[in-house]
């Protein structure tokens, strides 16, 4: 059986990889979700979340800005990032 923290760590690592791929798309001039500035902020927050693994120590703040992003999210990254933030908040030590 995998512990909740292991599942959460995997979700965070997957989200981090997805954000890195979107940042790379922007760097290459390709269409990508969100803006490079927001993606870099989310990347830092995901790294802080992976290090803390405790919502009592670190709480991400990226959810509101990405939920308010005016463009359509064809990739689904916004929904996944909001889901990760929600699940992270439910971690209990």
Protein backbone atom coordinates (compact mmCIF):
# COMPACT_ATOMS: atom_id res chain seq x y z
CA UNK A 1 0.00 0.00 0.00
CA UNK A 2 1.29 3.45 -0.93
CA UNK A 3 1.10 6.12 1.76
CA UNK A 4 -0.86 9.32 1.13
CA UNK A 5 2.38 11.29 1.24
CA UNK A 6 3.90 9.04 -1.44
CA UNK A 7 0.84 9.51 -3.66
CA UNK A 8 0.98 13.25 -3.07
CA UNK A 9 4.70 13.39 -3.79
CA UNK A 10 4.07 11.59 -7.11
CA UNK A 11 1.25 14.00 -7.98
CA UNK A 12 3.52 16.96 -7.21
CA UNK A 13 6.35 15.52 -9.29
CA UNK A 14 3.99 14.88 -12.23
CA UNK A 15 2.60 18.43 -12.00
CA UNK A 16 6.13 19.82 -11.77
CA UNK A 17 7.11 17.95 -14.93
CA UNK A 18 4.04 19.23 -16.73
CA UNK A 19 4.86 22.81 -15.72
CA UNK A 20 8.46 22.37 -16.89
CA UNK A 21 7.20 21.13 -20.27
CA UNK A 22 4.90 24.16 -20.60
CA UNK A 23 7.79 26.50 -19.73
CA UNK A 24 9.89 24.82 -22.41
CA UNK A 25 7.10 25.28 -24.96
CA UNK A 26 7.06 29.01 -24.20
CA UNK A 27 10.86 29.17 -24.56
CA UNK A 28 10.58 27.54 -27.99
CA UNK A 29 7.89 29.99 -29.06
CA UNK A 30 5.22 27.29 -29.18
CA UNK A 31 1.67 27.60 -27.89
CA UNK A 32 1.54 26.78 -24.20
CA UNK A 33 -0.93 27.19 -21.34
CA UNK A 34 -0.67 30.12 -18.92
CA UNK A 35 2.15 32.66 -19.08
CA UNK A 36 5.85 32.03 -18.48
CA UNK A 37 5.74 34.20 -15.34
CA UNK A 38 2.83 32.27 -13.83
CA UNK A 39 4.37 28.94 -14.79
CA UNK A 40 7.68 29.89 -13.12
CA UNK A 41 5.78 30.91 -9.99
CA UNK A 42 3.85 27.63 -9.97
CA UNK A 43 7.11 25.72 -10.50
CA UNK A 44 8.65 27.36 -7.40
CA UNK A 45 5.52 26.70 -5.37
CA UNK A 46 5.42 23.03 -6.40
CA UNK A 47 9.08 22.70 -5.37
CA UNK A 48 8.28 24.29 -1.99
CA UNK A 49 5.32 21.94 -1.59
CA UNK A 50 7.49 18.89 -2.37
CA UNK A 51 10.05 20.00 0.19
CA UNK A 52 7.56 20.77 2.97
CA UNK A 53 4.95 18.06 2.30
CA UNK A 54 2.89 19.69 5.04
CA UNK A 55 0.20 22.36 4.52
CA UNK A 56 0.87 23.60 8.06
CA UNK A 57 4.40 24.55 6.97
CA UNK A 58 3.78 25.73 3.40
CA UNK A 59 0.55 26.68 1.65
CA UNK A 60 0.64 27.36 -2.10
CA UNK A 61 -1.05 30.48 -3.43
CA UNK A 62 -1.05 29.74 -7.16
CA UNK A 63 -4.65 28.44 -7.36
CA UNK A 64 -6.48 31.75 -7.59
CA UNK A 65 -4.35 33.35 -10.35
CA UNK A 66 -4.48 30.27 -12.55
CA UNK A 67 -8.22 29.75 -12.02
CA UNK A 68 -8.76 33.34 -13.18
CA UNK A 69 -6.60 32.87 -16.30
CA UNK A 70 -8.62 34.37 -19.18
CA UNK A 71 -7.62 31.94 -21.93
CA UNK A 72 -9.13 28.51 -22.44
CA UNK A 73 -7.07 25.70 -20.98
CA UNK A 74 -6.94 23.14 -23.78
CA UNK A 75 -4.28 21.07 -22.00
CA UNK A 76 -6.15 20.68 -18.72
CA UNK A 77 -3.11 21.87 -16.74
CA UNK A 78 -5.11 24.43 -14.74
CA UNK A 79 -7.61 21.81 -13.56
CA UNK A 80 -4.79 19.42 -12.62
CA UNK A 81 -2.83 22.10 -10.74
CA UNK A 82 -5.91 23.16 -8.79
CA UNK A 83 -6.58 19.50 -7.96
CA UNK A 84 -2.99 19.05 -6.74
CA UNK A 85 -3.28 22.14 -4.53
CA UNK A 86 -6.58 20.88 -3.09
CA UNK A 87 -5.17 17.41 -2.35
CA UNK A 88 -1.98 18.89 -0.87
CA UNK A 89 -4.11 20.91 1.55
CA UNK A 90 -5.66 17.65 2.76
CA UNK A 91 -2.32 16.12 3.88
CA UNK A 92 -2.39 15.29 7.57
CA UNK A 93 0.80 14.57 9.47
